Amino acid sequence: MQILAISKPRNVEETRLLRTHHQLRARVFSDRLGWEVDVTGDHESDCFDALQPTYILAVCDAGQVVGCARLLPALGPTMLAGVFPSLLPSEGLRAHTGMIESSRFCVDTSIEDGRGGGSVHQTTLTMFTGIIEWCLANRFTEIVTVTDLRFERLLARVGWSLQRLGEPKKIGVTMAVAGTLAANRDILLRHRPANYRSNIAHPFDQAA
């Protein structure tokens, strides 16, 4: 399994990977979770995909996208401020140049590759590592996101606790909560699987 960071696709293969990642999002968010998302055919996308985000993709050895996340600078338009403002405190989102928003995180946990023997799927830990690695390579120190209470508990279980920005609220069929996550070298090394590979620069391998 390898992590790829793609902004603008540079070739036919990256275009294919982005297309299949939209299919994964449709299967997870619409079919499995029952979220109210825009699905056309078998693809899920929204207006934030038009803002040239960076996509973090986990690609298995067979070339299938098995995990994804979308990253956008928090100083620009974000899902949290634009779609889920009710999850923010009265003072709103205190965005800064070192903050990135992560959205549309999902993992295909049905695949055998990455199951392992732990309680958390290895693809999930690989995705965590890829997101943090990209943040370090691009000078982001804080991640803001909206998630559900189940995923908040998973983050706490692996030692990457979400710092809540407000109280959870029911949005559609989900009890959602907004919060921030630290992005630093210690957290990256804590989650990085032994066989981790990516096309991102490796700031954690550089001398201090």
N, C-alpha and C. Protein backbone atom coordinates (compact mmCIF):
# COMPACT_ATOMS: atom_id res chain seq x y z
N MET A 1 0.84 -1.20 0.00
CA MET A 1 0.00 0.00 0.00
C MET A 1 0.88 1.25 0.00
N GLN A 2 0.45 2.26 -0.77
CA GLN A 2 1.21 3.49 -0.87
C GLN A 2 0.29 4.70 -0.74
N ILE A 3 0.81 5.76 -0.13
CA ILE A 3 0.10 7.03 -0.05
C ILE A 3 0.53 7.92 -1.20
N LEU A 4 -0.46 8.50 -1.88
CA LEU A 4 -0.21 9.47 -2.93
C LEU A 4 -0.90 10.78 -2.58
N ALA A 5 -0.21 11.88 -2.80
CA ALA A 5 -0.82 13.22 -2.65
C ALA A 5 -0.99 13.79 -4.04
N ILE A 6 -2.24 14.08 -4.42
CA ILE A 6 -2.53 14.57 -5.76
C ILE A 6 -3.35 15.85 -5.66
N SER A 7 -2.87 16.88 -6.32
CA SER A 7 -3.64 18.12 -6.44
C SER A 7 -4.23 18.18 -7.85
N LYS A 8 -3.42 18.57 -8.81
CA LYS A 8 -3.84 18.48 -10.21
C LYS A 8 -3.26 17.20 -10.78
N PRO A 9 -4.11 16.34 -11.34
CA PRO A 9 -3.57 15.09 -11.92
C PRO A 9 -2.59 15.38 -13.05
N ARG A 10 -1.46 14.69 -13.01
CA ARG A 10 -0.38 14.94 -13.98
C ARG A 10 -0.36 13.94 -15.12
N ASN A 11 -1.15 12.88 -15.01
CA ASN A 11 -1.14 11.85 -16.05
C ASN A 11 -2.44 11.06 -16.00
N VAL A 12 -2.56 10.11 -16.91
CA VAL A 12 -3.79 9.32 -17.01
C VAL A 12 -4.03 8.51 -15.75
N GLU A 13 -2.97 7.98 -15.15
CA GLU A 13 -3.12 7.15 -13.96
C GLU A 13 -3.65 7.98 -12.78
N GLU A 14 -3.13 9.18 -12.58
CA GLU A 14 -3.63 10.01 -11.48
C GLU A 14 -5.07 10.44 -11.73
N THR A 15 -5.43 10.67 -12.98
CA THR A 15 -6.83 10.97 -13.32
C THR A 15 -7.73 9.79 -12.97
N ARG A 16 -7.27 8.59 -13.26
CA ARG A 16 -8.03 7.38 -12.92
C ARG A 16 -8.19 7.23 -11.42
N LEU A 17 -7.12 7.48 -10.68
CA LEU A 17 -7.18 7.35 -9.22
C LEU A 17 -8.16 8.34 -8.61
N LEU A 18 -8.16 9.57 -9.11
CA LEU A 18 -9.11 10.55 -8.59
C LEU A 18 -10.54 10.15 -8.91
N ARG A 19 -10.74 9.60 -10.10
CA ARG A 19 -12.09 9.16 -10.47
C ARG A 19 -12.56 8.02 -9.55
N THR A 20 -11.69 7.07 -9.28
CA THR A 20 -12.08 5.95 -8.43
C THR A 20 -12.24 6.38 -6.97
N HIS A 21 -11.53 7.44 -6.56
CA HIS A 21 -11.70 7.93 -5.19
C HIS A 21 -13.11 8.52 -5.01
N HIS A 22 -13.63 9.17 -6.05
CA HIS A 22 -15.00 9.68 -5.98
C HIS A 22 -16.00 8.52 -5.89
N GLN A 23 -15.70 7.40 -6.52
CA GLN A 23 -16.55 6.22 -6.41
C GLN A 23 -16.52 5.65 -5.00
N LEU A 24 -15.32 5.62 -4.39
CA LEU A 24 -15.20 5.16 -3.01
C LEU A 24 -16.02 6.05 -2.08
N ARG A 25 -15.95 7.36 -2.28
CA ARG A 25 -16.73 8.27 -1.45
C ARG A 25 -18.22 8.00 -1.57
N ALA A 26 -18.71 7.71 -2.78
CA ALA A 26 -20.13 7.41 -2.96
C ALA A 26 -20.52 6.14 -2.21
N ARG A 27 -19.67 5.12 -2.31
CA ARG A 27 -19.99 3.85 -1.63
C ARG A 27 -20.01 4.01 -0.12
N VAL A 28 -19.08 4.80 0.41
CA VAL A 28 -18.98 4.94 1.87
C VAL A 28 -20.04 5.91 2.40
N PHE A 29 -20.05 7.13 1.87
CA PHE A 29 -20.90 8.16 2.48
C PHE A 29 -22.37 8.01 2.12
N SER A 30 -22.68 7.64 0.89
CA SER A 30 -24.08 7.49 0.49
C SER A 30 -24.61 6.09 0.78
N ASP A 31 -23.94 5.08 0.24
CA ASP A 31 -24.46 3.72 0.34
C ASP A 31 -24.36 3.16 1.75
N ARG A 32 -23.18 3.29 2.38
CA ARG A 32 -22.97 2.65 3.68
C ARG A 32 -23.47 3.48 4.85
N LEU A 33 -23.14 4.78 4.84
CA LEU A 33 -23.47 5.63 5.99
C LEU A 33 -24.81 6.34 5.84
N GLY A 34 -25.34 6.43 4.62
CA GLY A 34 -26.63 7.06 4.43
C GLY A 34 -26.62 8.57 4.57
N TRP A 35 -25.44 9.21 4.31
CA TRP A 35 -25.37 10.66 4.40
C TRP A 35 -26.07 11.29 3.20
N GLU A 36 -26.53 12.52 3.40
CA GLU A 36 -27.15 13.27 2.31
C GLU A 36 -26.05 13.99 1.52
N VAL A 37 -25.49 13.29 0.54
CA VAL A 37 -24.41 13.83 -0.28
C VAL A 37 -24.85 13.76 -1.75
N ASP A 38 -24.19 14.54 -2.59
CA ASP A 38 -24.53 14.59 -4.01
C ASP A 38 -23.81 13.47 -4.76
N VAL A 39 -24.58 12.55 -5.28
CA VAL A 39 -24.03 11.44 -6.05
C VAL A 39 -24.59 11.49 -7.47
N THR A 40 -23.70 11.52 -8.44
CA THR A 40 -24.08 11.47 -9.85
C THR A 40 -23.53 10.19 -10.43
N GLY A 41 -24.43 9.31 -10.87
CA GLY A 41 -23.96 8.00 -11.30
C GLY A 41 -23.42 7.25 -10.10
N ASP A 42 -22.12 6.95 -10.14
CA ASP A 42 -21.50 6.28 -9.00
C ASP A 42 -20.41 7.15 -8.38
N HIS A 43 -20.47 8.48 -8.62
CA HIS A 43 -19.46 9.41 -8.11
C HIS A 43 -20.08 10.36 -7.08
N GLU A 44 -19.37 10.62 -5.99
CA GLU A 44 -19.77 11.65 -5.02
C GLU A 44 -18.81 12.81 -5.12
N SER A 45 -19.36 14.01 -5.22
CA SER A 45 -18.53 15.21 -5.24
C SER A 45 -19.37 16.39 -4.77
N ASP A 46 -18.69 17.50 -4.44
CA ASP A 46 -19.40 18.71 -4.04
C ASP A 46 -18.62 19.92 -4.50
N CYS A 47 -19.08 21.11 -4.10
CA CYS A 47 -18.46 22.35 -4.58
C CYS A 47 -17.02 22.51 -4.10
N PHE A 48 -16.64 21.85 -3.01
CA PHE A 48 -15.28 22.01 -2.48
C PHE A 48 -14.25 21.25 -3.33
N ASP A 49 -14.71 20.31 -4.13
CA ASP A 49 -13.81 19.63 -5.04
C ASP A 49 -13.37 20.53 -6.19
N ALA A 50 -14.08 21.65 -6.39
CA ALA A 50 -13.72 22.60 -7.45
C ALA A 50 -12.68 23.62 -6.99
N LEU A 51 -12.23 23.54 -5.73
CA LEU A 51 -11.32 24.54 -5.17
C LEU A 51 -9.86 24.08 -5.22
N GLN A 52 -9.56 23.12 -6.05
CA GLN A 52 -8.20 22.58 -6.21
C GLN A 52 -7.61 22.10 -4.87
N PRO A 53 -8.32 21.21 -4.19
CA PRO A 53 -7.78 20.66 -2.95
C PRO A 53 -6.63 19.70 -3.25
N THR A 54 -5.96 19.29 -2.19
CA THR A 54 -5.03 18.17 -2.28
C THR A 54 -5.75 16.93 -1.78
N TYR A 55 -5.67 15.86 -2.53
CA TYR A 55 -6.26 14.59 -2.11
C TYR A 55 -5.15 13.67 -1.63
N ILE A 56 -5.36 13.10 -0.46
CA ILE A 56 -4.46 12.07 0.06
C ILE A 56 -5.14 10.73 -0.22
N LEU A 57 -4.48 9.88 -0.99
CA LEU A 57 -5.07 8.61 -1.39
C LEU A 57 -4.20 7.46 -0.90
N ALA A 58 -4.83 6.43 -0.36
CA ALA A 58 -4.15 5.18 -0.06
C ALA A 58 -4.47 4.21 -1.19
N VAL A 59 -3.42 3.73 -1.85
CA VAL A 59 -3.58 2.86 -3.02
C VAL A 59 -2.95 1.51 -2.71
N CYS A 60 -3.74 0.45 -2.83
CA CYS A 60 -3.20 -0.88 -2.53
C CYS A 60 -2.35 -1.38 -3.69
N ASP A 61 -1.70 -2.51 -3.49
CA ASP A 61 -0.76 -3.02 -4.49
C ASP A 61 -1.44 -3.35 -5.81
N ALA A 62 -2.75 -3.60 -5.76
CA ALA A 62 -3.49 -3.90 -6.99
C ALA A 62 -3.91 -2.64 -7.74
N GLY A 63 -3.57 -1.47 -7.20
CA GLY A 63 -3.90 -0.21 -7.85
C GLY A 63 -5.25 0.35 -7.51
N GLN A 64 -5.90 -0.20 -6.49
CA GLN A 64 -7.23 0.25 -6.07
C GLN A 64 -7.11 1.30 -4.98
N VAL A 65 -7.93 2.36 -5.06
CA VAL A 65 -7.97 3.37 -4.00
C VAL A 65 -8.77 2.80 -2.83
N VAL A 66 -8.11 2.68 -1.67
CA VAL A 66 -8.75 2.06 -0.51
C VAL A 66 -8.91 3.05 0.65
N GLY A 67 -8.46 4.28 0.46
CA GLY A 67 -8.63 5.31 1.47
C GLY A 67 -8.43 6.67 0.85
N CYS A 68 -9.09 7.69 1.39
CA CYS A 68 -8.94 9.03 0.81
C CYS A 68 -9.29 10.10 1.83
N ALA A 69 -8.78 11.28 1.59
CA ALA A 69 -9.12 12.47 2.36
C ALA A 69 -8.87 13.68 1.47
N ARG A 70 -9.58 14.76 1.76
CA ARG A 70 -9.45 16.00 0.98
C ARG A 70 -8.96 17.11 1.90
N LEU A 71 -7.93 17.82 1.46
CA LEU A 71 -7.31 18.86 2.29
C LEU A 71 -7.45 20.22 1.60
N LEU A 72 -7.91 21.22 2.38
CA LEU A 72 -8.04 22.60 1.91
C LEU A 72 -7.56 23.55 2.99
N PRO A 73 -6.86 24.63 2.63
CA PRO A 73 -6.42 25.60 3.64
C PRO A 73 -7.61 26.17 4.41
N ALA A 74 -7.49 26.24 5.72
CA ALA A 74 -8.60 26.70 6.55
C ALA A 74 -8.87 28.19 6.41
N LEU A 75 -7.93 28.95 5.85
CA LEU A 75 -8.16 30.38 5.63
C LEU A 75 -9.07 30.63 4.43
N GLY A 76 -9.28 29.63 3.60
CA GLY A 76 -10.18 29.77 2.47
C GLY A 76 -11.54 29.17 2.79
N PRO A 77 -12.38 28.96 1.79
CA PRO A 77 -13.67 28.30 2.03
C PRO A 77 -13.47 26.91 2.59
N THR A 78 -14.24 26.56 3.61
CA THR A 78 -14.15 25.25 4.24
C THR A 78 -15.55 24.67 4.43
N MET A 79 -15.63 23.36 4.52
CA MET A 79 -16.90 22.71 4.81
C MET A 79 -17.41 23.11 6.19
N LEU A 80 -16.48 23.20 7.15
CA LEU A 80 -16.88 23.51 8.50
C LEU A 80 -17.59 24.86 8.58
N ALA A 81 -16.97 25.90 8.03
CA ALA A 81 -17.56 27.23 8.09
C ALA A 81 -18.74 27.39 7.15
N GLY A 82 -18.68 26.73 5.97
CA GLY A 82 -19.70 26.94 4.97
C GLY A 82 -20.90 26.03 5.08
N VAL A 83 -20.69 24.79 5.57
CA VAL A 83 -21.76 23.80 5.61
C VAL A 83 -22.18 23.46 7.03
N PHE A 84 -21.23 23.47 7.97
CA PHE A 84 -21.51 23.06 9.34
C PHE A 84 -21.21 24.16 10.37
N PRO A 85 -21.62 25.41 10.13
CA PRO A 85 -21.30 26.48 11.08
C PRO A 85 -21.92 26.27 12.46
N SER A 86 -22.98 25.48 12.53
CA SER A 86 -23.63 25.23 13.83
C SER A 86 -22.74 24.44 14.78
N LEU A 87 -21.69 23.80 14.24
CA LEU A 87 -20.77 23.04 15.08
C LEU A 87 -19.66 23.91 15.67
N LEU A 88 -19.61 25.17 15.24
CA LEU A 88 -18.56 26.08 15.70
C LEU A 88 -19.02 26.86 16.94
N PRO A 89 -18.07 27.30 17.77
CA PRO A 89 -18.42 28.18 18.89
C PRO A 89 -18.86 29.55 18.37
N SER A 90 -19.32 30.40 19.27
CA SER A 90 -19.86 31.70 18.87
C SER A 90 -18.83 32.57 18.15
N GLU A 91 -17.56 32.41 18.48
CA GLU A 91 -16.52 33.22 17.83
C GLU A 91 -16.11 32.68 16.47
N GLY A 92 -16.70 31.57 16.04
CA GLY A 92 -16.40 31.02 14.74
C GLY A 92 -15.09 30.26 14.71
N LEU A 93 -14.63 29.96 13.50
CA LEU A 93 -13.39 29.21 13.32
C LEU A 93 -12.20 30.17 13.33
N ARG A 94 -11.30 29.98 14.26
CA ARG A 94 -10.10 30.82 14.35
C ARG A 94 -9.01 30.20 13.47
N ALA A 95 -9.18 30.39 12.18
CA ALA A 95 -8.24 29.82 11.22
C ALA A 95 -6.94 30.61 11.20
N HIS A 96 -5.86 29.94 10.80
CA HIS A 96 -4.56 30.59 10.68
C HIS A 96 -3.79 29.91 9.56
N THR A 97 -2.66 30.46 9.20
CA THR A 97 -1.91 29.96 8.04
C THR A 97 -1.40 28.53 8.24
N GLY A 98 -1.29 28.09 9.47
CA GLY A 98 -0.81 26.73 9.74
C GLY A 98 -1.93 25.72 9.91
N MET A 99 -3.16 26.08 9.55
CA MET A 99 -4.31 25.18 9.73
C MET A 99 -4.82 24.70 8.38
N ILE A 100 -5.09 23.42 8.28
CA ILE A 100 -5.66 22.81 7.08
C ILE A 100 -6.95 22.10 7.47
N GLU A 101 -7.94 22.12 6.58
CA GLU A 101 -9.16 21.36 6.84
C GLU A 101 -9.09 20.02 6.13
N SER A 102 -9.40 18.96 6.86
CA SER A 102 -9.53 17.63 6.29
C SER A 102 -11.00 17.27 6.22
N SER A 103 -11.43 16.83 5.05
CA SER A 103 -12.82 16.41 4.89
C SER A 103 -12.87 15.18 4.00
N ARG A 104 -14.04 14.57 3.93
CA ARG A 104 -14.27 13.38 3.10
C ARG A 104 -13.26 12.26 3.36
N PHE A 105 -12.90 12.09 4.63
CA PHE A 105 -12.00 10.98 5.00
C PHE A 105 -12.81 9.70 4.99
N CYS A 106 -12.31 8.71 4.28
CA CYS A 106 -12.96 7.40 4.35
C CYS A 106 -11.97 6.31 3.97
N VAL A 107 -12.27 5.10 4.42
CA VAL A 107 -11.41 3.94 4.19
C VAL A 107 -12.31 2.76 3.82
N ASP A 108 -11.88 2.00 2.83
CA ASP A 108 -12.57 0.77 2.47
C ASP A 108 -12.08 -0.34 3.38
N THR A 109 -12.80 -0.56 4.48
CA THR A 109 -12.35 -1.54 5.48
C THR A 109 -12.72 -2.97 5.09
N SER A 110 -13.37 -3.15 3.93
CA SER A 110 -13.74 -4.49 3.51
C SER A 110 -12.58 -5.25 2.87
N ILE A 111 -11.53 -4.52 2.47
CA ILE A 111 -10.43 -5.18 1.78
C ILE A 111 -9.57 -5.96 2.77
N GLU A 112 -8.99 -7.05 2.29
CA GLU A 112 -8.13 -7.88 3.14
C GLU A 112 -6.80 -7.18 3.43
N ASP A 113 -6.27 -6.45 2.41
CA ASP A 113 -5.00 -5.76 2.57
C ASP A 113 -5.13 -4.71 3.67
N GLY A 114 -4.41 -4.90 4.78
CA GLY A 114 -4.46 -3.91 5.84
C GLY A 114 -5.25 -4.32 7.07
N ARG A 115 -5.87 -5.50 7.02
CA ARG A 115 -6.65 -5.92 8.18
C ARG A 115 -5.75 -6.15 9.40
N GLY A 116 -4.71 -6.95 9.23
CA GLY A 116 -3.78 -7.17 10.34
C GLY A 116 -4.49 -7.74 11.56
N GLY A 117 -3.83 -7.62 12.71
CA GLY A 117 -4.41 -8.16 13.92
C GLY A 117 -4.85 -7.11 14.91
N GLY A 118 -4.66 -5.83 14.60
CA GLY A 118 -5.02 -4.78 15.53
C GLY A 118 -6.48 -4.39 15.43
N SER A 119 -6.92 -3.55 16.36
CA SER A 119 -8.31 -3.11 16.39
C SER A 119 -8.59 -2.01 15.38
N VAL A 120 -7.54 -1.36 14.86
CA VAL A 120 -7.69 -0.30 13.87
C VAL A 120 -7.10 -0.77 12.55
N HIS A 121 -7.87 -0.64 11.49
CA HIS A 121 -7.43 -1.10 10.17
C HIS A 121 -6.13 -0.38 9.79
N GLN A 122 -5.19 -1.13 9.23
CA GLN A 122 -3.90 -0.54 8.85
C GLN A 122 -4.05 0.55 7.80
N THR A 123 -5.07 0.46 6.96
CA THR A 123 -5.30 1.53 5.98
C THR A 123 -5.63 2.84 6.68
N THR A 124 -6.37 2.76 7.77
CA THR A 124 -6.70 3.97 8.54
C THR A 124 -5.44 4.60 9.10
N LEU A 125 -4.56 3.79 9.68
CA LEU A 125 -3.31 4.31 10.23
C LEU A 125 -2.41 4.85 9.12
N THR A 126 -2.43 4.19 7.96
CA THR A 126 -1.64 4.68 6.83
C THR A 126 -2.16 6.03 6.36
N MET A 127 -3.49 6.20 6.33
CA MET A 127 -4.07 7.48 5.95
C MET A 127 -3.71 8.56 6.96
N PHE A 128 -3.78 8.24 8.25
CA PHE A 128 -3.38 9.21 9.26
C PHE A 128 -1.95 9.68 9.01
N THR A 129 -1.07 8.71 8.76
CA THR A 129 0.34 9.03 8.52
C THR A 129 0.50 9.92 7.29
N GLY A 130 -0.21 9.59 6.22
CA GLY A 130 -0.10 10.37 4.99
C GLY A 130 -0.56 11.80 5.16
N ILE A 131 -1.65 11.99 5.88
CA ILE A 131 -2.17 13.35 6.13
C ILE A 131 -1.17 14.16 6.94
N ILE A 132 -0.65 13.56 8.01
CA ILE A 132 0.30 14.28 8.86
C ILE A 132 1.59 14.57 8.10
N GLU A 133 2.06 13.59 7.34
CA GLU A 133 3.30 13.78 6.57
C GLU A 133 3.14 14.94 5.59
N TRP A 134 1.99 14.99 4.89
CA TRP A 134 1.76 16.09 3.95
C TRP A 134 1.71 17.43 4.69
N CYS A 135 1.09 17.45 5.86
CA CYS A 135 1.04 18.68 6.65
C CYS A 135 2.44 19.16 7.01
N LEU A 136 3.29 18.25 7.47
CA LEU A 136 4.65 18.63 7.85
C LEU A 136 5.43 19.13 6.64
N ALA A 137 5.24 18.48 5.50
CA ALA A 137 5.97 18.87 4.29
C ALA A 137 5.53 20.23 3.78
N ASN A 138 4.31 20.65 4.16
CA ASN A 138 3.76 21.91 3.66
C ASN A 138 3.53 22.94 4.77
N ARG A 139 4.17 22.72 5.91
CA ARG A 139 4.20 23.68 7.02
C ARG A 139 2.82 23.93 7.65
N PHE A 140 2.01 22.89 7.70
CA PHE A 140 0.75 22.97 8.45
C PHE A 140 0.93 22.24 9.78
N THR A 141 0.45 22.84 10.85
CA THR A 141 0.65 22.27 12.18
C THR A 141 -0.65 21.85 12.86
N GLU A 142 -1.79 22.17 12.24
CA GLU A 142 -3.07 21.89 12.87
C GLU A 142 -4.09 21.51 11.80
N ILE A 143 -4.88 20.50 12.11
CA ILE A 143 -5.91 20.01 11.20
C ILE A 143 -7.27 20.25 11.85
N VAL A 144 -8.19 20.85 11.10
CA VAL A 144 -9.55 21.02 11.59
C VAL A 144 -10.45 20.12 10.77
N THR A 145 -11.45 19.53 11.41
CA THR A 145 -12.29 18.57 10.71
C THR A 145 -13.64 18.44 11.39
N VAL A 146 -14.59 17.90 10.66
CA VAL A 146 -15.89 17.50 11.20
C VAL A 146 -15.97 15.99 11.10
N THR A 147 -16.35 15.35 12.18
CA THR A 147 -16.45 13.90 12.16
C THR A 147 -17.63 13.46 13.02
N ASP A 148 -17.83 12.16 13.14
CA ASP A 148 -18.89 11.66 14.01
C ASP A 148 -18.29 11.14 15.31
N LEU A 149 -19.15 10.83 16.25
CA LEU A 149 -18.67 10.43 17.57
C LEU A 149 -17.92 9.10 17.54
N ARG A 150 -18.32 8.21 16.64
CA ARG A 150 -17.62 6.93 16.53
C ARG A 150 -16.17 7.15 16.12
N PHE A 151 -15.97 8.01 15.12
CA PHE A 151 -14.60 8.26 14.66
C PHE A 151 -13.81 9.06 15.70
N GLU A 152 -14.48 9.92 16.44
CA GLU A 152 -13.80 10.64 17.52
C GLU A 152 -13.24 9.65 18.54
N ARG A 153 -14.01 8.61 18.84
CA ARG A 153 -13.55 7.58 19.78
C ARG A 153 -12.37 6.81 19.21
N LEU A 154 -12.40 6.54 17.90
CA LEU A 154 -11.28 5.84 17.26
C LEU A 154 -10.01 6.68 17.36
N LEU A 155 -10.12 7.98 17.11
CA LEU A 155 -8.96 8.86 17.22
C LEU A 155 -8.37 8.82 18.64
N ALA A 156 -9.24 8.84 19.62
CA ALA A 156 -8.78 8.79 21.01
C ALA A 156 -8.09 7.46 21.30
N ARG A 157 -8.61 6.38 20.72
CA ARG A 157 -8.04 5.05 20.97
C ARG A 157 -6.62 4.93 20.45
N VAL A 158 -6.31 5.63 19.35
CA VAL A 158 -4.95 5.54 18.80
C VAL A 158 -4.05 6.67 19.31
N GLY A 159 -4.55 7.46 20.25
CA GLY A 159 -3.72 8.49 20.85
C GLY A 159 -3.60 9.77 20.06
N TRP A 160 -4.62 10.06 19.23
CA TRP A 160 -4.63 11.30 18.44
C TRP A 160 -5.95 12.01 18.73
N SER A 161 -6.05 12.54 19.91
CA SER A 161 -7.33 13.03 20.41
C SER A 161 -7.78 14.31 19.72
N LEU A 162 -9.06 14.34 19.38
CA LEU A 162 -9.69 15.51 18.79
C LEU A 162 -9.98 16.54 19.88
N GLN A 163 -9.56 17.77 19.65
CA GLN A 163 -9.87 18.87 20.57
C GLN A 163 -11.14 19.55 20.08
N ARG A 164 -12.24 19.29 20.78
CA ARG A 164 -13.54 19.77 20.32
C ARG A 164 -13.61 21.30 20.27
N LEU A 165 -14.28 21.78 19.22
CA LEU A 165 -14.54 23.22 19.10
C LEU A 165 -15.92 23.58 19.63
N GLY A 166 -16.77 22.61 19.78
CA GLY A 166 -18.12 22.84 20.30
C GLY A 166 -18.74 21.51 20.68
N GLU A 167 -20.00 21.55 21.06
CA GLU A 167 -20.71 20.34 21.45
C GLU A 167 -21.22 19.59 20.23
N PRO A 168 -21.31 18.25 20.32
CA PRO A 168 -21.85 17.48 19.20
C PRO A 168 -23.30 17.86 18.92
N LYS A 169 -23.67 17.78 17.64
CA LYS A 169 -25.05 18.05 17.24
C LYS A 169 -25.45 17.03 16.17
N LYS A 170 -26.74 16.72 16.14
CA LYS A 170 -27.22 15.79 15.14
C LYS A 170 -27.38 16.50 13.81
N ILE A 171 -26.70 16.00 12.79
CA ILE A 171 -26.81 16.52 11.43
C ILE A 171 -27.20 15.36 10.54
N GLY A 172 -28.42 15.39 10.02
CA GLY A 172 -28.92 14.25 9.27
C GLY A 172 -29.04 13.03 10.17
N VAL A 173 -28.38 11.95 9.80
CA VAL A 173 -28.44 10.72 10.59
C VAL A 173 -27.24 10.59 11.52
N THR A 174 -26.39 11.63 11.59
CA THR A 174 -25.11 11.53 12.28
C THR A 174 -25.01 12.51 13.44
N MET A 175 -24.45 12.04 14.56
CA MET A 175 -24.06 12.93 15.64
C MET A 175 -22.66 13.44 15.30
N ALA A 176 -22.59 14.70 14.88
CA ALA A 176 -21.34 15.25 14.37
C ALA A 176 -20.68 16.17 15.38
N VAL A 177 -19.37 16.30 15.26
CA VAL A 177 -18.61 17.18 16.14
C VAL A 177 -17.44 17.76 15.33
N ALA A 178 -17.11 19.01 15.60
CA ALA A 178 -15.97 19.67 14.96
C ALA A 178 -14.83 19.76 15.96
N GLY A 179 -13.61 19.66 15.45
CA GLY A 179 -12.47 19.77 16.35
C GLY A 179 -11.17 19.89 15.58
N THR A 180 -10.09 20.00 16.33
CA THR A 180 -8.77 20.13 15.73
C THR A 180 -7.86 18.99 16.19
N LEU A 181 -6.88 18.69 15.34
CA LEU A 181 -5.89 17.66 15.60
C LEU A 181 -4.51 18.25 15.38
N ALA A 182 -3.58 17.94 16.26
CA ALA A 182 -2.21 18.40 16.08
C ALA A 182 -1.52 17.60 14.99
N ALA A 183 -0.65 18.26 14.25
CA ALA A 183 0.16 17.59 13.22
C ALA A 183 1.62 17.86 13.52
N ASN A 184 2.30 16.86 14.04
CA ASN A 184 3.72 17.03 14.36
C ASN A 184 4.46 15.71 14.17
N ARG A 185 5.76 15.77 14.29
CA ARG A 185 6.62 14.62 14.01
C ARG A 185 6.33 13.46 14.96
N ASP A 186 6.11 13.74 16.25
CA ASP A 186 5.88 12.67 17.22
C ASP A 186 4.62 11.88 16.88
N ILE A 187 3.56 12.59 16.52
CA ILE A 187 2.31 11.90 16.18
C ILE A 187 2.49 11.09 14.90
N LEU A 188 3.21 11.64 13.93
CA LEU A 188 3.46 10.92 12.69
C LEU A 188 4.18 9.60 12.96
N LEU A 189 5.24 9.64 13.73
CA LEU A 189 6.01 8.44 14.00
C LEU A 189 5.21 7.42 14.80
N ARG A 190 4.28 7.89 15.59
CA ARG A 190 3.44 7.01 16.39
C ARG A 190 2.51 6.18 15.51
N HIS A 191 2.07 6.75 14.39
CA HIS A 191 1.08 6.07 13.55
C HIS A 191 1.68 5.42 12.31
N ARG A 192 2.91 5.74 11.98
CA ARG A 192 3.48 5.25 10.72
C ARG A 192 3.69 3.74 10.75
N PRO A 193 2.99 3.00 9.87
CA PRO A 193 3.22 1.56 9.79
C PRO A 193 4.64 1.24 9.33
N ALA A 194 5.13 0.06 9.65
CA ALA A 194 6.51 -0.32 9.34
C ALA A 194 6.77 -0.32 7.84
N ASN A 195 5.75 -0.67 7.05
CA ASN A 195 5.94 -0.77 5.59
C ASN A 195 5.40 0.46 4.86
N TYR A 196 5.33 1.59 5.55
CA TYR A 196 4.74 2.81 4.98
C TYR A 196 5.54 3.32 3.78
N ARG A 197 4.81 3.67 2.70
CA ARG A 197 5.42 4.26 1.51
C ARG A 197 4.56 5.41 1.03
N SER A 198 5.18 6.46 0.49
CA SER A 198 4.41 7.57 -0.06
C SER A 198 5.22 8.32 -1.10
N ASN A 199 4.53 9.20 -1.84
CA ASN A 199 5.23 10.07 -2.80
C ASN A 199 5.43 11.46 -2.23
N ILE A 200 5.26 11.60 -0.91
CA ILE A 200 5.41 12.89 -0.21
C ILE A 200 6.84 12.98 0.33
N ALA A 201 7.37 14.21 0.40
CA ALA A 201 8.69 14.39 1.02
C ALA A 201 8.65 13.87 2.44
N HIS A 202 9.79 13.45 2.95
CA HIS A 202 9.87 12.81 4.27
C HIS A 202 10.57 13.72 5.27
N PRO A 203 9.88 14.74 5.80
CA PRO A 203 10.55 15.65 6.73
C PRO A 203 10.97 14.96 8.03
N PHE A 204 10.29 13.84 8.38
CA PHE A 204 10.66 13.16 9.63
C PHE A 204 11.97 12.41 9.51
N ASP A 205 12.47 12.24 8.28
CA ASP A 205 13.76 11.57 8.10
C ASP A 205 14.93 12.57 8.06
N GLN A 206 14.60 13.86 8.08
CA GLN A 206 15.64 14.87 8.01
C GLN A 206 16.24 15.11 9.39
N ALA A 207 17.49 15.51 9.41
CA ALA A 207 18.14 15.81 10.70
C ALA A 207 17.51 17.02 11.33
N ALA A 208 17.39 17.01 12.64
CA ALA A 208 16.80 18.15 13.36
C ALA A 208 17.75 19.34 13.30
